[in-house]
Protein backbone atom coordinates (compact mmCIF):
# COMPACT_ATOMS: atom_id res chain seq x y z
CA UNK A 1 63.20 121.92 100.04
CA UNK A 2 65.21 118.77 100.44
CA UNK A 3 68.46 120.78 100.48
CA UNK A 4 67.03 123.00 103.18
CA UNK A 5 66.03 120.03 105.35
CA UNK A 6 69.43 118.38 104.81
CA UNK A 7 71.10 121.60 105.86
CA UNK A 8 69.04 121.96 108.98
CA UNK A 9 69.74 118.37 109.88
CA UNK A 10 73.40 118.96 109.48
CA UNK A 11 73.12 121.94 111.78
CA UNK A 12 72.15 119.49 114.57
CA UNK A 13 75.25 117.34 114.14
CA UNK A 14 73.31 113.96 114.09
CA UNK A 15 76.32 111.79 115.16
CA UNK A 16 76.70 113.99 118.34
CA UNK A 17 73.05 113.74 119.04
CA UNK A 18 72.99 110.00 118.71
CA UNK A 19 76.11 109.72 120.90
CA UNK A 20 74.38 111.83 123.52
CA UNK A 21 71.45 109.35 123.59
CA UNK A 22 73.88 106.42 123.88
CA UNK A 23 75.48 108.22 126.77
CA UNK A 24 72.04 108.55 128.52
CA UNK A 25 71.58 104.68 127.99
CA UNK A 26 75.08 104.15 129.40
CA UNK A 27 74.08 106.19 132.43
CA UNK A 28 71.09 103.91 132.91
CA UNK A 29 73.44 100.88 132.57
CA UNK A 30 75.80 102.35 135.17
CA UNK A 31 72.95 103.00 137.66
CA UNK A 32 72.00 100.64 140.32
CA UNK A 33 68.52 99.75 139.11
CA UNK A 34 69.39 99.75 135.44
CA UNK A 35 65.67 100.51 134.72
CA UNK A 36 64.23 102.22 131.72
CA UNK A 37 60.87 101.80 130.02
CA UNK A 38 60.35 102.09 126.20
CA UNK A 39 58.52 105.37 126.56
CA UNK A 40 61.33 106.75 128.74
CA UNK A 41 63.82 105.62 126.10
CA UNK A 42 61.89 107.48 123.38
CA UNK A 43 61.61 110.62 125.52
CA UNK A 44 65.35 110.36 126.38
CA UNK A 45 66.17 110.25 122.74
CA UNK A 46 64.10 113.36 122.05
CA UNK A 47 65.73 115.21 124.93
CA UNK A 48 69.22 114.22 124.02
CA UNK A 49 68.88 114.94 120.32
CA UNK A 50 66.79 117.98 120.74
CA UNK A 51 68.97 119.78 123.36
CA UNK A 52 72.23 118.73 121.56
CA UNK A 53 70.81 119.96 118.21
CA UNK A 54 69.78 123.24 119.76
CA UNK A 55 73.13 123.94 121.30
CA UNK A 56 74.92 123.00 118.10
CA UNK A 57 72.67 125.29 116.09
CA UNK A 58 73.22 128.26 118.48
CA UNK A 59 76.97 127.48 118.52
CA UNK A 60 77.10 127.77 114.78
CA UNK A 61 75.07 131.02 114.91
CA UNK A 62 77.38 132.59 117.43
CA UNK A 63 80.51 131.27 115.71
CA UNK A 64 79.50 132.06 112.20
CA UNK A 65 82.43 134.43 111.69
CA UNK A 66 84.88 131.88 113.01
CA UNK A 67 83.41 129.12 110.95
CA UNK A 68 84.05 131.18 107.78
CA UNK A 69 87.75 130.40 108.54
CA UNK A 70 87.72 127.16 110.44
CA UNK A 71 84.71 125.40 108.86
CA UNK A 72 83.33 127.26 105.77
CA UNK A 73 81.42 124.08 104.72
CA UNK A 74 78.96 124.34 107.66
CA UNK A 75 75.34 125.31 107.02
CA UNK A 76 75.47 129.05 107.97
CA UNK A 77 78.77 130.10 106.48
CA UNK A 78 78.03 128.09 103.28
CA UNK A 79 74.71 130.02 102.92
CA UNK A 80 72.58 126.72 103.08
CA UNK A 81 70.88 128.17 106.25
CA UNK A 82 70.32 131.73 107.21
CA UNK A 83 71.06 133.05 110.66
CA UNK A 84 67.33 133.58 111.36
CA UNK A 85 66.44 130.00 110.30
CA UNK A 86 69.32 128.62 112.52
CA UNK A 87 68.19 130.61 115.54
CA UNK A 88 64.48 129.74 115.09
CA UNK A 89 65.13 126.00 114.43
CA UNK A 90 67.46 125.84 117.49
CA UNK A 91 64.92 127.43 119.68
CA UNK A 92 62.27 124.87 118.58
CA UNK A 93 64.57 121.99 119.16
CA UNK A 94 65.50 123.31 122.64
CA UNK A 95 61.74 123.68 123.52
CA UNK A 96 60.92 120.16 122.34
CA UNK A 97 63.91 118.76 124.28
CA UNK A 98 62.87 120.42 127.49
CA UNK A 99 59.17 119.29 127.16
CA UNK A 100 60.32 115.67 126.77
CA UNK A 101 62.51 116.01 129.92
CA UNK A 102 59.54 117.30 131.85
CA UNK A 103 57.59 114.20 130.69
CA UNK A 104 60.37 111.97 131.87
CA UNK A 105 60.84 113.27 135.51
CA UNK A 106 61.54 116.44 137.47
CA UNK A 107 65.03 115.09 138.25
CA UNK A 108 65.77 114.60 134.62
CA UNK A 109 64.45 118.16 133.91
CA UNK A 110 66.86 119.65 136.46
CA UNK A 111 69.78 117.77 134.83
CA UNK A 112 68.67 118.86 131.39
CA UNK A 113 68.19 122.50 132.25
CA UNK A 114 71.54 122.67 134.08
CA UNK A 115 73.47 121.14 131.25
CA UNK A 116 71.65 123.23 128.60
CA UNK A 117 72.34 126.51 130.43
CA UNK A 118 75.95 125.58 130.98
CA UNK A 119 76.33 124.79 127.30
CA UNK A 120 74.56 128.01 126.26
CA UNK A 121 76.67 130.04 128.68
CA UNK A 122 79.75 128.46 127.15
CA UNK A 123 78.67 129.55 123.66
CA UNK A 124 78.03 133.01 124.78
CA UNK A 125 80.78 133.79 127.26
CA UNK A 126 82.87 130.91 128.62
CA UNK A 127 84.38 129.88 125.26
CA UNK A 128 86.50 133.02 125.28
CA UNK A 129 87.93 132.21 128.68
CA UNK A 130 90.10 129.37 127.55
CA UNK A 131 90.54 126.71 130.31
CA UNK A 132 87.36 127.64 132.10
CA UNK A 133 85.40 127.10 128.85
CA UNK A 134 87.14 123.80 128.29
CA UNK A 135 86.06 122.70 131.83
CA UNK A 136 82.44 123.78 131.06
CA UNK A 137 82.33 121.69 127.90
CA UNK A 138 83.72 118.64 129.78
CA UNK A 139 80.89 119.00 132.32
CA UNK A 140 78.32 119.23 129.54
CA UNK A 141 79.63 115.92 127.98
CA UNK A 142 79.26 114.17 131.41
CA UNK A 143 75.70 115.40 131.82
CA UNK A 144 73.92 112.73 129.65
CA UNK A 145 75.43 110.02 131.87
CA UNK A 146 74.08 111.75 134.91
CA UNK A 147 70.74 112.14 133.15
CA UNK A 148 70.55 108.37 132.59
CA UNK A 149 71.46 107.57 136.18
CA UNK A 150 68.87 110.01 137.56
CA UNK A 151 66.22 108.63 135.10
CA UNK A 152 66.80 105.12 136.55
CA UNK A 153 67.69 105.67 140.19
CA UNK A 154 66.77 109.23 140.91
CA UNK A 155 70.37 109.80 142.08
CA UNK A 156 73.94 109.31 140.87
CA UNK A 157 75.63 105.94 141.86
CA UNK A 158 79.20 105.39 143.00
CA UNK A 159 79.87 103.47 139.79
CA UNK A 160 78.80 106.38 137.67
CA UNK A 161 81.01 108.80 139.63
CA UNK A 162 84.11 106.71 138.96
CA UNK A 163 83.13 106.61 135.29
CA UNK A 164 82.52 110.37 135.06
CA UNK A 165 86.01 111.22 136.38
CA UNK A 166 88.06 109.70 133.55
CA UNK A 167 85.50 110.95 130.98
CA UNK A 168 85.82 114.44 132.35
CA UNK A 169 89.66 114.34 132.30
CA UNK A 170 89.81 112.91 128.77
CA UNK A 171 87.35 115.36 127.31
CA UNK A 172 89.14 118.26 129.01
CA UNK A 173 92.31 117.00 127.42
CA UNK A 174 90.70 116.74 124.06
CA UNK A 175 89.28 120.26 124.31
CA UNK A 176 92.65 121.75 125.04
CA UNK A 177 94.20 119.80 122.20
CA UNK A 178 91.40 120.93 119.88
CA UNK A 179 92.41 124.49 120.66
CA UNK A 180 95.74 123.87 118.90
CA UNK A 181 93.95 123.08 115.60
CA UNK A 182 91.63 126.12 115.95
CA UNK A 183 94.21 128.79 116.72
CA UNK A 184 93.61 130.77 113.50
CA UNK A 185 89.83 130.93 113.87
CA UNK A 186 89.92 131.53 117.60
CA UNK A 187 92.07 134.56 117.13
CA UNK A 188 89.21 136.29 115.23
CA UNK A 189 86.99 136.28 118.35
CA UNK A 190 89.73 136.68 120.97
CA UNK A 191 89.28 133.20 122.39
CA UNK A 192 91.97 132.75 125.02
CA UNK A 193 92.59 129.13 124.52
CA UNK A 194 95.65 127.46 126.17
CA UNK A 195 97.25 127.08 122.73
CA UNK A 196 96.93 130.84 122.06
CA UNK A 197 97.96 132.07 125.62
CA UNK A 198 100.64 129.56 126.48
CA UNK A 199 101.64 128.23 123.11
CA UNK A 200 100.89 125.07 121.19
CA UNK A 201 103.63 123.08 122.75
CA UNK A 202 102.32 123.74 126.33
CA UNK A 203 98.79 122.93 125.24
CA UNK A 204 99.98 119.61 123.84
CA UNK A 205 101.80 118.74 127.05
CA UNK A 206 98.72 119.63 129.19
CA UNK A 207 96.34 117.72 126.94
CA UNK A 208 98.55 114.65 126.84
CA UNK A 209 98.93 114.81 130.72
CA UNK A 210 95.16 114.89 131.15
CA UNK A 211 94.89 111.84 128.93
CA UNK A 212 97.43 110.04 131.13
CA UNK A 213 95.55 111.16 134.27
CA UNK A 214 92.34 109.70 132.90
CA UNK A 215 94.23 106.42 132.19
CA UNK A 216 95.61 106.37 135.78
CA UNK A 217 92.13 106.39 137.43
CA UNK A 218 90.43 104.06 134.95
CA UNK A 219 91.34 100.78 136.86
CA UNK A 220 89.80 102.00 140.16
CA UNK A 221 86.20 100.83 139.50
CA UNK A 222 87.51 97.29 138.94
CA UNK A 223 89.57 97.27 142.06
CA UNK A 224 86.59 98.49 144.04
CA UNK A 225 84.48 95.71 142.66
CA UNK A 226 82.04 98.17 140.97
CA UNK A 227 82.42 96.47 137.55
CA UNK A 228 83.15 92.86 136.44
CA UNK A 229 86.20 91.50 134.61
CA UNK A 230 85.18 92.47 130.97
CA UNK A 231 85.64 96.09 131.98
CA UNK A 232 89.32 95.82 132.81
CA UNK A 233 90.00 93.86 129.58
CA UNK A 234 88.18 96.30 127.29
CA UNK A 235 89.28 99.48 129.03
CA UNK A 236 92.87 98.42 128.73
CA UNK A 237 92.47 98.89 124.99
CA UNK A 238 91.16 102.38 125.43
CA UNK A 239 94.00 103.17 127.84
CA UNK A 240 96.62 102.07 125.35
CA UNK A 241 94.99 104.38 122.82
CA UNK A 242 95.01 107.33 125.19
CA UNK A 243 98.61 106.75 126.02
CA UNK A 244 99.53 106.54 122.37
CA UNK A 245 97.70 109.78 121.64
CA UNK A 246 99.20 111.47 124.67
CA UNK A 247 102.79 110.54 123.59
CA UNK A 248 101.92 111.62 120.02
CA UNK A 249 100.60 115.08 120.93
CA UNK A 250 103.43 115.71 123.38
CA UNK A 251 106.08 114.85 120.77
CA UNK A 252 104.35 116.71 117.91
CA UNK A 253 102.13 119.59 118.95
CA UNK A 254 101.42 120.79 115.40
CA UNK A 255 97.95 121.80 114.29
CA UNK A 256 97.82 118.93 111.84
CA UNK A 257 98.66 116.34 114.49
CA UNK A 258 96.30 118.01 116.98
CA UNK A 259 93.38 117.60 114.52
CA UNK A 260 94.30 113.94 114.01
CA UNK A 261 94.64 113.23 117.78
CA UNK A 262 91.34 115.06 118.43
CA UNK A 263 89.54 112.79 115.96
CA UNK A 264 91.03 109.52 117.03
CA UNK A 265 90.37 110.30 120.72
CA UNK A 266 86.69 109.70 119.98
CA UNK A 267 87.56 106.07 119.22
CA UNK A 268 89.18 105.59 122.57
CA UNK A 269 86.22 107.23 124.31
CA UNK A 270 83.83 104.85 122.60
CA UNK A 271 85.88 101.84 123.66
CA UNK A 272 85.96 103.05 127.24
CA UNK A 273 82.25 103.57 127.11
CA UNK A 274 81.81 99.91 125.85
CA UNK A 275 84.01 98.82 128.69
CA UNK A 276 81.86 100.37 131.32
CA UNK A 277 78.65 99.04 129.82
CA UNK A 278 80.13 95.50 129.52
CA UNK A 279 81.54 95.56 133.09
CA UNK A 280 78.19 96.77 134.41
CA UNK A 281 75.81 94.31 132.81
CA UNK A 282 77.84 91.12 133.22
């Protein structure tokens, strides 16, 4: 029983769900009112974790053949969770997440439904379309920040928009780079990633260019007086990291380096998130 629970929990990707909740809180911090009640915080966690876990579960269900090559240790290909159990559990999580969004606000529900449908459509269809699928994933990653802003203000502030732009660009770059490391498994489902259609070298250059584009727009919120001085200090660290990763993947577009760059990029994203929060609350 314990092993089954552990496997189902792994299916939800706990770190991703927690990061989604942190992103919601960041969206609140980046709003104008910066207002959230304890009950709203609890409901937001349930929504973020529930919907993320649901999408991750359905993703593993749909990609079970690919995962036998790319990630055989995951719950479904390893045999720890059956396909039926994964689908049922994912459906329950999705329902719980939507109910908590309804209890938060109608605006939050609209954001949650839109992001969930986009993510689900990506799993079913858009993933095979390469760049279009990468763009869809980037939009889904930005959604929790929008959710937090709508929860607090009922609308999206200018500060959040300028935060969303570099986030979108960096996530898009990461998804393209991720395609380099997943070439073998993606070939099984005919996924037309940039790495497969244009080559690993081209994917590395494009991914690195998007990292640099994200860095180029990152100072704008400070110059527009949308954030305070701690932002520019901390975000500079993230920018140096993104530049380093961009140079690395452009010089060496191998699958091994792509996997390394993909992982370390999460560190630069976390630092950038801390920068926006620090610059918004001080």
